[in-house]
């Protein structure tokens, strides 16, 4: 078995690749590197907002909306 990484330039290719997979000629896998990078991005912002009561959030939203009027 040989692993090849490709860059898809046209979305129509995805359907062709899926057809090849249905014929059991290839196996499609998700790119683990992109998933890892996404997890790093998410963890960077984790905990950036603190939990607040709904009444406080509603008050802040009202204040922001009033600033635009």
N, C-alpha and C. Protein backbone atom coordinates (compact mmCIF):
# COMPACT_ATOMS: atom_id res chain seq x y z
N UNK A 1 0.84 -1.17 0.00
CA UNK A 1 0.00 0.00 0.00
C UNK A 1 0.88 1.23 0.00
N UNK A 2 0.44 2.26 -0.71
CA UNK A 2 1.20 3.50 -0.82
C UNK A 2 0.30 4.66 -0.41
N UNK A 3 0.82 5.60 0.36
CA UNK A 3 0.06 6.77 0.79
C UNK A 3 0.49 7.97 -0.03
N UNK A 4 -0.51 8.70 -0.55
CA UNK A 4 -0.25 9.88 -1.36
C UNK A 4 -1.12 11.01 -0.83
N UNK A 5 -0.55 12.19 -0.70
CA UNK A 5 -1.30 13.37 -0.29
C UNK A 5 -1.57 14.21 -1.52
N UNK A 6 -2.84 14.63 -1.67
CA UNK A 6 -3.20 15.44 -2.84
C UNK A 6 -3.85 16.74 -2.38
N UNK A 7 -3.77 17.75 -3.21
CA UNK A 7 -4.49 19.01 -3.00
C UNK A 7 -5.65 19.02 -3.99
N UNK A 8 -6.86 19.15 -3.48
CA UNK A 8 -8.03 19.15 -4.34
C UNK A 8 -8.28 20.57 -4.83
N UNK A 9 -8.25 20.73 -6.14
CA UNK A 9 -8.43 22.04 -6.75
C UNK A 9 -9.87 22.29 -7.20
N UNK A 10 -10.64 21.22 -7.32
CA UNK A 10 -12.02 21.34 -7.78
C UNK A 10 -12.87 20.39 -6.94
N UNK A 11 -14.00 20.87 -6.44
CA UNK A 11 -14.84 20.06 -5.56
C UNK A 11 -15.42 18.84 -6.26
N UNK A 12 -15.47 18.83 -7.58
CA UNK A 12 -15.98 17.68 -8.32
C UNK A 12 -15.10 16.45 -8.11
N UNK A 13 -13.86 16.69 -7.79
CA UNK A 13 -12.90 15.59 -7.60
C UNK A 13 -13.28 14.75 -6.37
N UNK A 14 -13.86 15.39 -5.38
CA UNK A 14 -14.23 14.66 -4.16
C UNK A 14 -15.20 13.54 -4.52
N UNK A 15 -16.17 13.83 -5.36
CA UNK A 15 -17.14 12.80 -5.76
C UNK A 15 -16.44 11.67 -6.52
N UNK A 16 -15.50 12.02 -7.37
CA UNK A 16 -14.75 10.99 -8.09
C UNK A 16 -13.96 10.09 -7.13
N UNK A 17 -13.35 10.71 -6.14
CA UNK A 17 -12.60 9.94 -5.16
C UNK A 17 -13.53 9.04 -4.34
N UNK A 18 -14.70 9.54 -4.01
CA UNK A 18 -15.66 8.71 -3.28
C UNK A 18 -16.10 7.52 -4.12
N UNK A 19 -16.27 7.73 -5.43
CA UNK A 19 -16.62 6.63 -6.32
C UNK A 19 -15.51 5.57 -6.35
N UNK A 20 -14.27 6.02 -6.40
CA UNK A 20 -13.14 5.09 -6.36
C UNK A 20 -13.12 4.31 -5.05
N UNK A 21 -13.49 4.97 -3.98
CA UNK A 21 -13.52 4.29 -2.68
C UNK A 21 -14.64 3.24 -2.67
N UNK A 22 -15.79 3.55 -3.26
CA UNK A 22 -16.88 2.58 -3.34
C UNK A 22 -16.49 1.34 -4.14
N UNK A 23 -15.65 1.54 -5.13
CA UNK A 23 -15.16 0.41 -5.92
C UNK A 23 -14.02 -0.31 -5.23
N UNK A 24 -13.70 0.13 -4.01
CA UNK A 24 -12.63 -0.44 -3.19
C UNK A 24 -11.27 -0.39 -3.90
N UNK A 25 -11.05 0.71 -4.60
CA UNK A 25 -9.76 0.93 -5.25
C UNK A 25 -8.85 1.80 -4.38
N UNK A 26 -9.46 2.68 -3.60
CA UNK A 26 -8.69 3.54 -2.71
C UNK A 26 -9.43 3.63 -1.36
N UNK A 27 -8.76 4.17 -0.36
CA UNK A 27 -9.38 4.44 0.93
C UNK A 27 -9.13 5.90 1.26
N UNK A 28 -10.18 6.62 1.57
CA UNK A 28 -10.05 8.03 1.93
C UNK A 28 -9.93 8.15 3.44
N UNK A 29 -9.02 9.01 3.86
CA UNK A 29 -8.83 9.28 5.29
C UNK A 29 -8.80 10.78 5.48
N UNK A 30 -9.26 11.22 6.65
CA UNK A 30 -9.16 12.64 6.97
C UNK A 30 -7.73 12.96 7.34
N UNK A 31 -7.30 14.17 7.00
CA UNK A 31 -5.94 14.60 7.29
C UNK A 31 -5.80 14.88 8.78
N UNK A 32 -4.95 14.12 9.47
CA UNK A 32 -4.79 14.26 10.91
C UNK A 32 -4.12 15.59 11.28
N UNK A 33 -3.25 16.10 10.43
CA UNK A 33 -2.57 17.35 10.72
C UNK A 33 -3.55 18.51 10.81
N UNK A 34 -4.50 18.59 9.91
CA UNK A 34 -5.46 19.68 9.93
C UNK A 34 -6.33 19.62 11.17
N UNK A 35 -6.72 18.42 11.58
CA UNK A 35 -7.52 18.26 12.78
C UNK A 35 -6.71 18.72 13.99
N UNK A 36 -5.44 18.37 14.05
CA UNK A 36 -4.59 18.77 15.16
C UNK A 36 -4.45 20.28 15.21
N UNK A 37 -4.26 20.91 14.05
CA UNK A 37 -4.14 22.37 14.02
C UNK A 37 -5.42 23.03 14.50
N UNK A 38 -6.56 22.46 14.14
CA UNK A 38 -7.84 23.01 14.57
C UNK A 38 -7.96 22.92 16.08
N UNK A 39 -7.56 21.80 16.66
CA UNK A 39 -7.62 21.63 18.11
C UNK A 39 -6.72 22.64 18.81
N UNK A 40 -5.57 22.95 18.22
CA UNK A 40 -4.67 23.94 18.81
C UNK A 40 -5.32 25.31 18.79
N UNK A 41 -5.98 25.65 17.68
CA UNK A 41 -6.66 26.95 17.57
C UNK A 41 -7.78 27.06 18.60
N UNK A 42 -8.55 25.99 18.76
CA UNK A 42 -9.65 26.01 19.71
C UNK A 42 -9.13 26.14 21.13
N UNK A 43 -8.10 25.39 21.47
CA UNK A 43 -7.58 25.42 22.84
C UNK A 43 -6.97 26.78 23.17
N UNK A 44 -6.54 27.53 22.16
CA UNK A 44 -5.97 28.85 22.39
C UNK A 44 -7.01 29.78 23.01
N UNK A 45 -8.28 29.61 22.64
CA UNK A 45 -9.35 30.49 23.12
C UNK A 45 -10.17 29.88 24.25
N UNK A 46 -9.88 28.66 24.62
CA UNK A 46 -10.63 27.99 25.67
C UNK A 46 -10.45 28.75 26.99
N UNK A 47 -11.56 29.05 27.63
CA UNK A 47 -11.52 29.77 28.90
C UNK A 47 -11.40 31.27 28.74
N UNK A 48 -11.47 31.80 27.51
CA UNK A 48 -11.33 33.23 27.29
C UNK A 48 -12.55 33.98 27.82
N UNK A 49 -13.70 33.31 27.82
CA UNK A 49 -14.91 33.94 28.35
C UNK A 49 -15.30 33.24 29.64
N UNK A 50 -15.65 34.03 30.64
CA UNK A 50 -16.09 33.44 31.90
C UNK A 50 -17.60 33.26 31.87
N UNK A 51 -18.09 32.32 32.68
CA UNK A 51 -19.53 32.09 32.77
C UNK A 51 -20.17 33.28 33.48
N UNK A 52 -21.31 33.72 32.93
CA UNK A 52 -22.04 34.83 33.51
C UNK A 52 -23.51 34.45 33.61
N UNK A 53 -24.21 35.03 34.58
CA UNK A 53 -25.66 34.77 34.65
C UNK A 53 -26.35 35.36 33.43
N UNK A 54 -27.47 34.76 33.02
CA UNK A 54 -28.21 35.23 31.86
C UNK A 54 -28.65 36.67 32.00
N UNK A 55 -29.03 37.07 33.18
CA UNK A 55 -29.49 38.46 33.39
C UNK A 55 -28.37 39.45 33.08
N UNK A 56 -27.15 39.10 33.44
CA UNK A 56 -26.01 39.99 33.17
C UNK A 56 -25.72 40.06 31.67
N UNK A 57 -25.83 38.93 30.99
CA UNK A 57 -25.61 38.90 29.54
C UNK A 57 -26.68 39.72 28.84
N UNK A 58 -27.94 39.57 29.25
CA UNK A 58 -29.03 40.36 28.67
C UNK A 58 -28.80 41.85 28.87
N UNK A 59 -28.35 42.22 30.05
CA UNK A 59 -28.08 43.64 30.35
C UNK A 59 -26.98 44.17 29.42
N UNK A 60 -25.91 43.40 29.25
CA UNK A 60 -24.82 43.83 28.38
C UNK A 60 -25.28 43.96 26.93
N UNK A 61 -26.10 43.00 26.48
CA UNK A 61 -26.62 43.07 25.11
C UNK A 61 -27.49 44.30 24.91
N UNK A 62 -28.32 44.60 25.89
CA UNK A 62 -29.17 45.79 25.80
C UNK A 62 -28.34 47.05 25.72
N UNK A 63 -27.29 47.12 26.52
CA UNK A 63 -26.40 48.29 26.50
C UNK A 63 -25.73 48.44 25.13
N UNK A 64 -25.27 47.32 24.58
CA UNK A 64 -24.62 47.38 23.27
C UNK A 64 -25.60 47.81 22.19
N UNK A 65 -26.82 47.30 22.25
CA UNK A 65 -27.82 47.67 21.25
C UNK A 65 -28.18 49.14 21.37
N UNK A 66 -28.27 49.63 22.59
CA UNK A 66 -28.63 51.04 22.80
C UNK A 66 -27.54 51.98 22.28
N UNK A 67 -26.28 51.54 22.31
CA UNK A 67 -25.18 52.36 21.81
C UNK A 67 -25.32 52.61 20.30
N UNK A 68 -25.93 51.70 19.58
CA UNK A 68 -26.08 51.84 18.14
C UNK A 68 -27.24 52.76 17.77
N UNK A 69 -28.13 53.01 18.71
CA UNK A 69 -29.29 53.85 18.40
C UNK A 69 -29.02 55.30 18.65
